[in-house]
Protein backbone atom coordinates (compact mmCIF):
# COMPACT_ATOMS: atom_id res chain seq x y z
CA MET A 1 25.49 10.67 9.46
CA LEU A 2 24.96 11.55 5.79
CA PHE A 3 27.36 9.81 3.46
CA LEU A 4 27.42 12.42 0.73
CA ASP A 5 30.04 12.71 -1.95
CA VAL A 6 30.40 15.57 -4.42
CA LYS A 7 27.86 14.19 -6.88
CA GLU A 8 25.25 13.75 -4.16
CA CYS A 9 25.75 17.31 -2.98
CA GLN A 10 25.33 18.56 -6.52
CA PHE A 11 21.90 17.01 -7.01
CA GLU A 12 20.37 17.67 -3.60
CA ARG A 13 18.99 20.99 -4.78
CA HIS A 14 16.70 19.26 -7.29
CA TYR A 15 14.84 17.21 -4.71
CA ARG A 16 12.08 19.55 -3.63
CA ARG A 17 10.33 19.36 -6.96
CA GLY A 18 7.95 16.63 -5.90
CA VAL A 19 6.73 14.40 -3.14
CA GLY A 20 5.09 11.08 -4.01
CA LEU A 21 2.48 10.03 -1.47
CA GLN A 22 0.82 6.65 -1.26
CA ARG A 23 -1.12 4.80 1.40
CA THR A 24 1.38 3.20 3.70
CA THR A 25 2.17 2.05 7.20
CA TYR A 26 5.25 2.17 9.25
CA ARG A 27 8.73 2.09 7.92
CA ILE A 28 10.78 5.14 7.07
CA TRP A 29 13.80 5.20 4.83
CA ILE A 30 15.67 8.52 4.93
CA GLY A 31 17.44 9.22 1.65
CA PHE A 32 21.17 8.45 1.59
CA VAL A 33 20.96 7.60 5.23
CA ALA A 34 17.56 6.05 5.68
CA LEU A 35 15.36 6.00 8.73
CA SER A 36 13.29 2.84 8.72
CA LEU A 37 10.42 2.56 11.14
CA CYS A 38 10.08 -1.19 11.17
CA ALA A 39 6.65 -2.19 12.48
CA LEU A 40 6.48 -5.59 14.09
CA THR A 41 3.16 -7.24 13.43
CA PHE A 42 2.78 -9.07 16.74
CA VAL A 43 -0.30 -11.10 17.57
CA ARG A 44 -1.17 -14.11 19.61
CA LEU A 45 -2.92 -17.46 19.73
CA GLY A 46 -4.44 -18.61 22.99
CA GLY A 47 -3.15 -15.84 25.22
CA ALA A 48 -0.37 -13.32 25.51
CA ALA A 49 2.93 -14.19 23.87
CA SER A 50 5.83 -15.30 26.01
CA LYS A 51 9.43 -14.55 25.24
CA THR A 52 10.38 -17.91 26.79
CA ASN A 53 8.57 -19.99 24.19
CA PRO A 54 10.78 -21.52 21.49
CA GLU A 55 10.74 -19.67 18.18
CA VAL A 56 9.87 -21.56 15.02
CA ARG A 57 10.47 -19.94 11.63
CA TYR A 58 7.81 -20.46 9.01
CA PRO A 59 8.37 -21.44 6.29
CA ASP A 60 11.62 -23.25 6.94
CA PRO A 61 13.55 -23.57 4.73
CA ASP A 62 12.65 -20.31 2.96
CA ILE A 63 13.86 -19.98 -0.63
CA GLY A 64 13.26 -16.23 -0.46
CA VAL A 65 15.73 -15.88 2.40
CA ASP A 66 18.20 -18.42 1.05
CA SER A 67 18.46 -16.55 -2.26
CA LEU A 68 19.28 -13.09 -0.83
CA ALA A 69 23.07 -13.33 -1.03
CA ALA A 70 23.01 -14.57 -4.62
CA ARG A 71 20.51 -11.89 -5.65
CA LYS A 72 22.61 -9.16 -4.10
CA LYS A 73 25.71 -10.40 -5.95
CA ALA A 74 23.81 -10.61 -9.23
CA GLN A 75 22.42 -7.09 -8.87
CA PHE A 76 25.85 -5.59 -8.26
CA GLU A 77 26.97 -7.26 -11.48
CA THR A 78 24.39 -5.23 -13.46
CA VAL A 79 25.83 -1.79 -12.71
CA ASP A 80 27.30 -1.44 -16.20
CA GLN A 81 23.70 -1.10 -17.47
CA PHE A 82 23.08 2.01 -15.38
CA LYS A 83 23.20 5.35 -17.17
CA VAL A 84 21.82 7.05 -14.06
CA PHE A 85 23.28 7.90 -10.67
CA TYR A 86 23.03 5.03 -8.19
CA GLN A 87 25.99 5.61 -5.85
CA PHE A 88 24.01 6.56 -2.76
CA HIS A 89 22.70 4.53 0.13
CA PHE A 90 19.76 4.11 2.52
CA THR A 91 20.27 3.19 6.17
CA ASP A 92 17.58 1.78 8.46
CA LYS A 93 17.32 4.10 11.50
CA VAL A 94 14.18 2.83 13.21
CA ASN A 95 15.80 2.43 16.60
CA GLU A 96 16.88 6.07 16.61
CA SER A 97 13.51 7.55 15.61
CA GLY A 98 11.67 7.26 18.93
CA ILE A 99 8.61 5.75 17.25
CA THR A 100 7.27 2.76 19.16
CA PHE A 101 4.12 2.06 17.15
CA VAL A 102 3.46 -1.67 16.72
CA HIS A 103 0.91 -2.91 14.23
CA HIS A 104 -1.60 -5.44 15.58
CA ALA A 105 -3.58 -7.56 13.14
CA VAL A 106 -6.97 -9.19 13.70
CA ASP A 107 -7.36 -12.91 14.38
CA ASP A 108 -8.29 -13.65 10.76
CA ALA A 109 -4.84 -12.51 9.64
CA THR A 110 -3.00 -14.37 12.38
CA ASN A 111 -4.04 -17.03 14.93
CA ASN A 112 -7.28 -18.07 13.20
CA TYR A 113 -5.85 -17.34 9.78
CA MET A 114 -8.05 -17.62 6.75
CA PRO A 115 -7.58 -16.16 3.24
CA VAL A 116 -9.59 -12.96 3.62
CA HIS A 117 -8.90 -9.29 2.90
CA TYR A 118 -7.81 -8.45 6.44
CA ASP A 119 -4.37 -9.79 5.48
CA HIS A 120 -3.82 -6.84 3.14
CA GLY A 121 -2.49 -4.73 5.98
CA ASN A 122 -3.00 -1.05 6.71
CA ALA A 123 -2.00 2.47 5.78
CA VAL A 124 -0.03 5.50 6.82
CA ALA A 125 -0.71 9.05 5.74
CA VAL A 126 1.84 11.86 5.86
CA ALA A 127 1.19 15.59 6.29
CA ASP A 128 2.37 18.65 8.19
CA VAL A 129 -0.53 18.70 10.64
CA ASP A 130 0.63 21.63 12.79
CA GLY A 131 2.23 23.95 10.23
CA ASP A 132 5.80 23.70 11.52
CA GLY A 133 7.22 22.75 8.12
CA LEU A 134 7.87 19.09 8.98
CA TYR A 135 5.91 16.07 7.77
CA ASP A 136 4.14 14.17 10.55
CA ILE A 137 3.09 10.53 10.24
CA TYR A 138 -0.28 8.91 10.90
CA PHE A 139 -0.04 5.14 11.37
CA VAL A 140 -3.20 3.11 10.70
CA ASN A 141 -3.82 -0.03 12.74
CA GLN A 142 -6.30 -2.89 12.77
CA VAL A 143 -6.40 -3.52 16.53
CA GLY A 144 -5.54 -1.07 19.28
CA GLY A 145 -6.03 2.24 17.54
CA ASN A 146 -4.15 4.43 15.09
CA GLN A 147 -1.30 6.75 16.08
CA LEU A 148 -0.16 10.22 15.04
CA TRP A 149 3.54 10.97 15.46
CA LYS A 150 4.83 14.53 15.41
CA ASN A 151 8.04 15.14 13.50
CA LEU A 152 10.47 16.88 15.87
CA GLY A 153 13.18 17.19 13.25
CA SER A 154 16.50 15.37 12.92
CA GLY A 155 14.70 12.05 12.48
CA LYS A 156 12.99 12.17 15.89
CA PHE A 157 9.26 11.77 16.58
CA LYS A 158 6.79 12.18 19.44
CA ASN A 159 3.47 10.38 19.89
CA ILE A 160 0.68 13.00 19.95
CA THR A 161 -2.26 10.64 19.38
CA ASN A 162 -4.13 11.45 22.59
CA GLU A 163 -3.97 15.23 22.29
CA SER A 164 -4.74 15.14 18.56
CA GLY A 165 -7.88 13.00 18.98
CA VAL A 166 -7.37 10.68 16.00
CA GLY A 167 -6.81 7.30 17.71
CA LEU A 168 -10.02 5.52 16.62
CA ALA A 169 -9.30 2.59 18.95
CA ASP A 170 -12.91 1.41 18.66
CA ARG A 171 -12.74 0.28 15.03
CA ILE A 172 -10.73 -1.63 12.43
CA SER A 173 -9.15 1.03 10.25
CA VAL A 174 -7.87 0.47 6.71
CA ALA A 175 -6.60 3.57 4.89
CA ALA A 176 -6.15 7.29 5.47
CA ALA A 177 -5.75 10.46 3.42
CA PHE A 178 -4.91 14.05 4.34
CA ALA A 179 -6.43 16.96 2.40
CA ASP A 180 -7.49 20.56 2.99
CA ILE A 181 -11.25 20.11 2.63
CA ASP A 182 -12.22 23.64 3.68
CA ASN A 183 -9.43 25.69 2.07
CA ASP A 184 -8.26 27.06 5.43
CA GLY A 185 -4.64 26.13 4.80
CA ASP A 186 -4.30 23.08 7.06
CA GLN A 187 -4.55 19.36 6.41
CA ASP A 188 -7.72 17.55 7.47
CA LEU A 189 -7.85 13.76 7.77
CA PHE A 190 -10.12 11.04 6.36
CA VAL A 191 -9.95 7.43 7.58
CA THR A 192 -11.69 4.36 6.12
CA THR A 193 -12.72 1.35 8.20
CA VAL A 194 -14.18 -2.14 7.96
CA ARG A 195 -17.85 -1.73 8.94
CA GLY A 196 -17.01 0.77 11.67
CA GLY A 197 -18.03 3.91 9.83
CA ASN A 198 -15.62 6.12 7.89
CA VAL A 199 -14.34 9.20 9.70
CA LEU A 200 -13.58 12.77 8.64
CA PHE A 201 -11.49 14.86 11.04
CA GLU A 202 -11.27 18.65 10.78
CA ASN A 203 -7.86 20.08 11.72
CA ASP A 204 -7.78 23.28 13.78
CA GLY A 205 -4.40 24.15 12.28
CA HIS A 206 -2.43 23.10 15.34
CA GLY A 207 -2.72 19.33 14.98
CA HIS A 208 -5.91 18.96 17.02
CA PHE A 209 -8.75 17.24 15.19
CA LYS A 210 -12.54 17.14 15.52
CA ASP A 211 -14.72 14.32 14.18
CA ILE A 212 -17.21 15.92 11.75
CA SER A 213 -18.19 12.74 9.87
CA LYS A 214 -21.92 12.80 10.53
CA GLU A 215 -22.50 16.49 9.84
CA ALA A 216 -20.29 16.23 6.75
CA GLY A 217 -22.41 13.35 5.46
CA ILE A 218 -19.61 10.86 4.81
CA ASP A 219 -19.85 8.41 7.73
CA LEU A 220 -20.51 5.45 5.43
CA VAL A 221 -20.48 1.98 7.00
CA ALA A 222 -19.00 -0.54 4.56
CA HIS A 223 -15.92 -2.62 3.77
CA SER A 224 -14.12 0.54 2.72
CA SER A 225 -10.57 0.70 1.40
CA GLY A 226 -8.65 3.41 -0.47
CA ALA A 227 -9.81 7.03 -0.67
CA VAL A 228 -8.71 9.87 -2.92
CA PHE A 229 -9.41 13.60 -2.77
CA PHE A 230 -9.62 15.44 -6.11
CA ASP A 231 -11.60 18.30 -7.64
CA TYR A 232 -13.68 16.54 -10.29
CA ASP A 233 -15.77 19.60 -11.23
CA ASN A 234 -13.02 22.24 -10.97
CA ASP A 235 -14.93 24.39 -8.48
CA GLY A 236 -11.92 24.86 -6.22
CA LEU A 237 -13.12 22.43 -3.52
CA LEU A 238 -11.68 18.95 -3.04
CA ASP A 239 -14.21 16.17 -3.62
CA LEU A 240 -13.81 12.64 -2.26
CA LEU A 241 -13.95 9.20 -3.84
CA VAL A 242 -14.18 6.23 -1.46
CA CYS A 243 -13.44 2.71 -2.68
CA ASN A 244 -15.49 -0.09 -1.16
CA VAL A 245 -14.32 -3.64 -1.63
CA GLY A 246 -17.40 -5.78 -1.07
CA LYS A 247 -18.75 -8.00 1.68
CA TYR A 248 -15.96 -10.30 2.89
CA THR A 249 -17.02 -10.57 6.55
CA SER A 250 -19.82 -12.32 8.42
CA ASP A 251 -21.88 -10.84 11.25
CA VAL A 252 -19.97 -12.87 13.84
CA LYS A 253 -17.68 -10.81 16.07
CA GLY A 254 -14.09 -11.88 16.76
CA PRO A 255 -12.04 -11.41 19.95
CA ASP A 256 -10.94 -7.88 19.07
CA GLY A 257 -14.36 -6.64 17.95
CA GLU A 258 -13.72 -7.35 14.29
CA TYR A 259 -16.25 -9.04 12.02
CA VAL A 260 -14.98 -12.54 11.28
CA GLY A 261 -14.19 -13.14 7.62
CA LEU A 262 -16.24 -15.33 5.31
CA ARG A 263 -14.66 -18.68 4.44
CA ASP A 264 -15.07 -17.93 0.74
CA GLY A 265 -14.08 -14.29 1.09
CA PHE A 266 -11.77 -14.39 -1.94
CA HIS A 267 -14.60 -15.69 -4.11
CA GLY A 268 -16.83 -12.75 -3.24
CA HIS A 269 -16.35 -11.18 -6.67
CA LEU A 270 -18.44 -14.02 -8.09
CA TYR A 271 -21.48 -12.98 -6.02
CA PRO A 272 -23.06 -9.70 -7.20
CA ASP A 273 -25.09 -9.42 -4.00
CA ARG A 274 -21.84 -8.89 -2.09
CA PHE A 275 -20.69 -5.92 -4.17
CA GLU A 276 -20.20 -2.57 -2.44
CA TYR A 277 -19.70 0.14 -5.02
CA PRO A 278 -17.40 3.18 -4.81
CA VAL A 279 -18.98 6.41 -3.63
CA LEU A 280 -18.26 9.90 -4.98
CA TYR A 281 -18.89 12.79 -2.60
CA LYS A 282 -19.11 16.35 -3.93
CA ASN A 283 -17.69 18.99 -1.61
CA MET A 284 -20.50 21.52 -1.16
CA GLY A 285 -18.42 23.82 1.02
CA HIS A 286 -18.77 24.58 4.72
CA ASN A 287 -17.65 21.02 5.58
CA HIS A 288 -20.61 19.37 3.91
CA PHE A 289 -20.47 16.66 1.23
CA LYS A 290 -23.17 15.30 -1.07
CA ASP A 291 -23.28 11.77 -2.50
CA VAL A 292 -23.29 12.32 -6.28
CA THR A 293 -22.46 8.75 -7.30
CA ALA A 294 -25.74 8.19 -9.13
CA GLU A 295 -26.02 11.59 -10.80
CA THR A 296 -22.48 11.32 -12.19
CA ASP A 297 -23.17 7.80 -13.56
CA LEU A 298 -20.37 6.33 -11.47
CA HIS A 299 -21.30 2.65 -11.18
CA PRO A 300 -18.38 0.34 -12.07
CA ARG A 301 -18.72 -3.32 -11.08
CA GLY A 302 -16.04 -4.97 -9.00
CA TRP A 303 -14.20 -4.90 -5.70
CA CYS A 304 -12.68 -1.44 -5.65
CA GLY A 305 -9.49 -1.37 -3.58
CA ASP A 306 -7.92 1.92 -4.64
CA ALA A 307 -8.16 4.70 -7.21
CA SER A 308 -6.18 7.52 -8.75
CA PHE A 309 -6.79 10.38 -11.15
CA ALA A 310 -5.11 12.26 -13.98
CA ASP A 311 -6.14 14.34 -16.96
CA VAL A 312 -5.71 11.48 -19.41
CA ASN A 313 -7.46 13.01 -22.43
CA GLY A 314 -6.07 16.52 -21.98
CA ASP A 315 -9.38 18.35 -21.56
CA GLY A 316 -8.46 19.93 -18.22
CA ARG A 317 -10.67 17.59 -16.17
CA PRO A 318 -9.37 14.83 -13.85
CA ASP A 319 -10.30 11.36 -15.11
CA LEU A 320 -10.50 8.35 -12.78
CA PHE A 321 -8.95 4.91 -12.76
CA LEU A 322 -10.55 2.50 -10.28
CA LEU A 323 -8.73 -0.70 -9.33
CA ASN A 324 -10.64 -3.96 -9.15
CA MET A 325 -8.83 -6.31 -6.79
CA VAL A 326 -10.25 -9.37 -8.57
CA GLY A 327 -11.31 -8.73 -12.16
CA ASN A 328 -11.23 -5.96 -14.73
CA SER A 329 -10.41 -2.47 -13.51
CA HIS A 330 -12.16 0.64 -14.83
CA TYR A 331 -11.07 3.84 -16.55
CA LEU A 332 -13.76 6.53 -16.22
CA GLU A 333 -13.55 9.64 -18.37
CA ASN A 334 -14.71 12.91 -16.84
CA VAL A 335 -17.27 14.66 -19.05
CA ASN A 336 -17.37 18.40 -18.28
CA GLY A 337 -17.29 17.75 -14.53
CA GLN A 338 -20.86 16.44 -14.72
CA LYS A 339 -20.59 12.69 -15.24
CA PHE A 340 -18.15 9.83 -15.82
CA VAL A 341 -18.20 7.53 -18.83
CA ASP A 342 -16.54 4.10 -18.77
CA LYS A 343 -13.90 4.08 -21.53
CA THR A 344 -11.92 1.08 -20.28
CA ASP A 345 -12.22 -1.02 -23.43
CA GLU A 346 -11.09 1.90 -25.58
CA TYR A 347 -8.03 2.83 -23.52
CA PHE A 348 -7.14 -0.32 -21.54
CA PRO A 349 -8.60 -3.45 -23.20
CA LYS A 350 -6.59 -5.70 -20.84
CA THR A 351 -6.02 -4.92 -17.17
CA PRO A 352 -4.32 -6.93 -14.39
CA PHE A 353 -6.56 -9.55 -12.81
CA GLY A 354 -5.55 -8.93 -9.20
CA SER A 355 -4.81 -5.20 -9.07
CA MET A 356 -3.51 -3.88 -5.76
CA GLY A 357 -1.93 -0.45 -6.25
CA LEU A 358 -1.53 2.21 -8.92
CA LYS A 359 0.24 5.43 -9.76
CA PHE A 360 0.00 7.85 -12.63
CA LEU A 361 3.47 9.04 -13.61
CA ASP A 362 5.36 10.31 -16.64
CA PHE A 363 8.17 7.77 -16.86
CA ASP A 364 9.49 8.95 -20.24
CA ASN A 365 9.13 12.71 -19.68
CA ASP A 366 6.97 13.27 -22.75
CA GLY A 367 4.40 15.32 -20.85
CA ARG A 368 1.68 12.65 -20.98
CA PRO A 369 0.46 10.65 -17.94
CA ASP A 370 1.44 6.98 -18.00
CA LEU A 371 -0.08 4.44 -15.61
CA PHE A 372 1.57 1.79 -13.42
CA ILE A 373 -0.54 -0.94 -11.76
CA THR A 374 0.67 -3.67 -9.44
CA ASP A 375 -0.97 -7.10 -9.49
CA MET A 376 -0.68 -8.96 -6.19
CA HIS A 377 -3.45 -11.52 -6.45
CA SER A 378 -2.04 -13.20 -9.57
CA ASP A 379 0.95 -14.23 -7.44
CA MET A 380 -1.41 -16.37 -5.36
CA PHE A 381 -1.94 -18.89 -8.16
CA GLU A 382 1.49 -20.52 -8.11
CA GLU A 383 4.67 -20.68 -6.04
CA VAL A 384 7.03 -18.25 -7.72
CA ARG A 385 10.72 -18.95 -7.24
CA PRO A 386 13.08 -15.95 -6.92
CA GLU A 387 14.56 -16.50 -10.37
CA ARG A 388 11.08 -16.10 -11.93
CA GLU A 389 9.98 -12.96 -10.09
CA LYS A 390 10.58 -10.73 -13.11
CA LEU A 391 8.28 -12.85 -15.27
CA LYS A 392 4.50 -12.85 -15.57
CA ASP A 393 2.60 -15.60 -13.78
CA SER A 394 2.18 -18.64 -16.01
CA PHE A 395 -0.66 -20.41 -14.20
CA ARG A 396 -4.19 -19.62 -15.37
CA PRO A 397 -7.14 -20.21 -13.02
CA ARG A 398 -10.45 -21.47 -14.33
CA GLU A 399 -12.54 -18.82 -16.05
CA SER A 400 -15.30 -19.60 -13.57
CA PHE A 401 -13.04 -18.06 -10.90
CA LEU A 402 -11.78 -15.22 -13.09
CA GLY A 403 -15.33 -14.13 -13.83
CA GLY A 404 -14.51 -13.78 -17.53
CA PRO A 405 -12.18 -14.97 -20.30
CA ALA A 406 -8.48 -15.06 -19.44
CA GLU A 407 -7.74 -13.05 -22.60
CA LYS A 408 -9.23 -9.99 -20.89
CA PHE A 409 -6.54 -9.97 -18.22
CA THR A 410 -2.85 -9.43 -17.63
CA PHE A 411 -1.48 -11.73 -14.92
CA GLY A 412 1.16 -9.50 -13.43
CA ASN A 413 2.07 -5.83 -13.12
CA ALA A 414 1.16 -3.47 -15.95
CA LEU A 415 2.86 -0.30 -17.17
CA TYR A 416 0.77 1.59 -19.70
CA HIS A 417 2.76 3.96 -21.92
CA ASN A 418 0.66 6.89 -23.09
CA LEU A 419 1.17 7.22 -26.85
CA GLY A 420 -1.22 10.13 -27.18
CA ASP A 421 -4.38 10.24 -29.27
CA ARG A 422 -6.19 8.07 -26.67
CA LYS A 423 -3.80 5.14 -27.10
CA PHE A 424 -1.82 3.24 -24.46
CA GLU A 425 0.74 0.47 -24.93
CA GLU A 426 1.36 -2.08 -22.16
CA VAL A 427 5.17 -2.21 -21.74
CA SER A 428 5.75 -3.77 -18.30
CA ASP A 429 7.96 -6.64 -19.47
CA ARG A 430 10.06 -4.47 -21.76
CA MET A 431 10.51 -1.88 -19.01
CA GLY A 432 11.36 -4.42 -16.29
CA VAL A 433 8.70 -3.54 -13.70
CA GLU A 434 7.47 -7.03 -12.80
CA ASN A 435 8.03 -8.23 -9.23
CA TYR A 436 6.65 -10.63 -6.60
CA TRP A 437 3.76 -9.97 -4.16
CA PRO A 438 3.51 -6.21 -4.89
CA TRP A 439 1.33 -3.75 -2.97
CA GLY A 440 0.78 -0.01 -3.43
CA PRO A 441 3.70 1.63 -5.31
CA SER A 442 5.20 5.03 -4.60
CA VAL A 443 6.77 7.28 -7.20
CA GLY A 444 9.49 9.88 -6.76
CA ASP A 445 12.73 11.08 -8.30
CA ILE A 446 14.92 9.25 -5.79
CA ASN A 447 18.26 10.22 -7.34
CA ALA A 448 17.20 13.69 -8.52
CA ASP A 449 18.12 13.08 -12.14
CA GLY A 450 14.81 14.31 -13.55
CA TRP A 451 13.29 10.83 -14.11
CA GLU A 452 10.61 9.32 -11.86
CA ASP A 453 11.57 6.12 -10.04
CA ILE A 454 9.28 3.50 -8.46
CA PHE A 455 9.39 1.86 -5.04
CA ILE A 456 7.17 -1.22 -4.60
CA PRO A 457 6.59 -2.53 -1.06
CA SER A 458 6.24 -6.28 -1.36
CA GLY A 459 5.77 -9.59 0.41
CA MET A 460 2.85 -11.50 1.90
CA SER A 461 4.09 -12.65 5.33
CA PHE A 462 2.33 -15.63 6.87
CA PRO A 463 2.11 -18.31 5.56
CA TYR A 464 4.33 -17.42 2.58
CA ARG A 465 8.05 -17.08 1.91
CA TYR A 466 10.08 -13.90 2.20
CA GLY A 467 9.71 -11.41 -0.65
CA ILE A 468 11.96 -8.42 -1.21
CA ASN A 469 10.88 -4.82 -1.64
CA SER A 470 11.60 -3.48 -5.12
CA MET A 471 13.40 -0.22 -5.91
CA LEU A 472 13.19 0.49 -9.63
CA LEU A 473 15.52 3.21 -10.88
CA ASN A 474 14.37 4.84 -14.10
CA ASN A 475 17.15 4.44 -16.67
CA ARG A 476 16.24 7.64 -18.55
CA GLY A 477 12.90 6.32 -19.76
CA GLN A 478 14.46 3.31 -21.48
CA LYS A 479 14.03 0.73 -18.72
CA PHE A 480 13.63 0.39 -14.97
CA LEU A 481 16.59 -1.25 -13.25
CA ASP A 482 16.43 -3.20 -9.98
CA ALA A 483 18.41 -1.34 -7.32
CA GLU A 484 17.13 -2.40 -3.87
CA PHE A 485 20.38 -4.24 -3.02
CA LEU A 486 22.57 -1.54 -4.55
CA LEU A 487 20.90 1.15 -2.43
CA GLY A 488 20.81 -0.79 0.84
CA LEU A 489 17.05 -1.36 1.01
CA GLU A 490 17.66 -5.11 0.94
CA PRO A 491 18.69 -7.07 2.90
CA ARG A 492 17.02 -5.44 5.88
CA ARG A 493 18.78 -4.14 8.96
CA ASP A 494 20.75 -6.90 10.72
CA GLY A 495 19.55 -9.32 8.05
CA ARG A 496 16.06 -9.54 9.58
CA THR A 497 13.60 -11.59 7.56
CA ASN A 498 11.17 -12.80 10.24
CA THR A 499 9.02 -11.32 12.98
CA PRO A 500 6.93 -12.80 15.84
CA TRP A 501 3.53 -13.55 14.33
CA PHE A 502 1.51 -15.59 16.84
CA GLU A 503 1.80 -18.02 19.71
CA LEU A 504 0.74 -21.55 18.80
CA ASN A 505 -0.33 -24.13 21.38
CA CYS A 506 0.82 -27.46 19.99
CA SER A 507 -0.96 -29.33 22.79
CA ALA A 508 -4.38 -27.86 21.99
CA ARG A 509 -7.17 -30.22 20.98
CA PRO A 510 -8.70 -29.93 18.51
CA ALA A 511 -5.70 -28.71 16.55
CA PRO A 512 -5.75 -24.96 15.84
CA MET A 513 -7.37 -24.02 12.55
CA VAL A 514 -4.27 -22.20 11.35
CA LEU A 515 -2.48 -25.53 10.83
CA HIS A 516 -4.75 -26.24 7.86
CA TYR A 517 -3.02 -23.43 5.95
CA MET A 518 0.56 -24.50 6.75
CA ARG A 519 2.45 -26.90 4.52
CA GLN A 520 4.58 -28.07 7.42
CA SER A 521 3.50 -28.09 11.03
CA PRO A 522 5.60 -26.14 13.54
CA CYS A 523 4.29 -28.61 16.11
CA GLU A 524 5.98 -31.65 14.60
CA GLY A 525 7.98 -33.26 17.41
CA ARG A 526 6.89 -30.53 19.85
CA SER A 527 4.33 -29.98 22.59
CA GLY A 528 3.30 -26.90 24.49
CA LYS A 529 3.53 -23.39 23.10
CA VAL A 530 5.81 -22.09 20.34
CA MET A 531 6.23 -18.65 18.82
CA VAL A 532 5.66 -18.79 15.06
CA MET A 533 8.09 -16.43 13.31
CA ALA A 534 6.57 -15.37 9.98
CA THR A 535 8.31 -13.53 7.18
CA LEU A 536 8.55 -9.75 7.25
CA SER A 537 6.80 -7.88 4.47
CA SER A 538 6.04 -4.30 3.53
CA ARG A 539 2.50 -3.48 2.42
CA SER A 540 2.58 0.10 1.15
CA ALA A 541 4.92 3.06 0.88
CA VAL A 542 5.28 6.81 0.81
CA ILE A 543 8.15 8.84 -0.60
CA PHE A 544 8.77 12.28 0.92
CA ASP A 545 11.46 14.51 2.41
CA LEU A 546 11.20 13.57 6.07
CA ASP A 547 13.99 15.73 7.45
CA ASN A 548 13.93 18.73 5.08
CA ASP A 549 17.46 18.04 3.89
CA GLY A 550 16.49 18.23 0.22
CA ASP A 551 16.46 14.52 -0.60
CA LEU A 552 13.58 12.06 -0.74
CA ASP A 553 13.00 9.45 1.94
CA ILE A 554 10.74 6.38 1.99
CA VAL A 555 8.19 5.13 4.52
CA THR A 556 6.89 1.58 4.16
CA ASN A 557 4.39 -0.63 5.93
CA ASP A 558 5.69 -3.81 7.57
């Protein structure tokens, strides 16, 4: 099954140096022969879907799909630029994995579509939950509950959700993170939700979990998003930062128990009364956490979607970078483990307007942490053709929507090169890391050459065109080179670019609301029900060694 030549065998031994984890859901690429767990997002309009209904692709035509062959050819013509090893391949093995998880989205992301944050998708967390030496996978869902799949080895998995107790079928989950909160040697689990209460599960060491949220003091009810465990005060216990986006839902309940989104949900950053600020919990030991947000002066404004940490100033304390999904992000410097001071203007005077994911990495191997941020929301302002995906967005919204002068923002991905002495240089264009509709990136040394590479899950699905995932190989710190076609990550298995999205009743009166967001109607010349086939997209990713063969694999969210 593994197509290894001599060079591949020679560098396998370097792989175990690091595992890059990032919030993700449901697709696994096994290195050099990849296992892809391709989650179909399958929902409905006006009843259960029927396989007998005619399928209608949307959009059609799709310039993203039509350009795939030409893009593949063009990428293969760039190989003379590569000074790094690229002669290996990923193979999609979803059908062989045994995983049957299917992601179900809420109405607001599908049948009764409206531009609201539900359409951002969900997460997956990876950890060895039972101590058998294999990474297990926790898939986060919006409707129908989350699932934990035990790694049986050899690319096979078993659903252990019921016996593990981590299904959470009664709420709309968002993100998840594993961490050893009590220093007992096993991985506990934290899950964020949309107004359902966040959940902390204690692991008994055998993959059975107990909900200890209330007694731990972290059962916050909010529009929560990303979460990160880190030891901000260096006391040996992992503390927890929870990002909260802001109020984007009403109090009206939808058909699956979700809170229906606000019509102006993507303008929420303009209304301070809708803000929900991040919360920092100090680990007090004995499975108890204390909210220390106020006493550590942690009060950045904005819609916090995710966060990460690194010792940026070299004082031995982890500093924080908090993403703002619409507006300026925030760099917070850790002062003696007692408080955080906003130093954004000093370090990062311009940040991406629509930040979606981030990773600290050392792309040039100089020993200093650099920072990569993806900007998804800037791609909403104009229709970007495939030939322009490596360029920054040219359209500028009104400053009344931006919430500040355009000069304060970068409209596209950002790669900040750490120059030392508290100085960063934004080098994204020079380094070639721009792409289209990016989500949370993952970092790992994919080809084991000693340089960190970047995988960016990408695409927006309905009602937008197909967007490719990006695999950026680090060309020895000089530039990142596009390699998704070279490595077999694109096109997808069997050339798939669409998935069943929802059932549309063309005879319904009044006309379904979703038609207001479609440039062309699938109902033109039709009556009765049709199955709308929307574009596939990946929303997040994790890089890890799934099968303990020494090379790194990739899991993505579709």
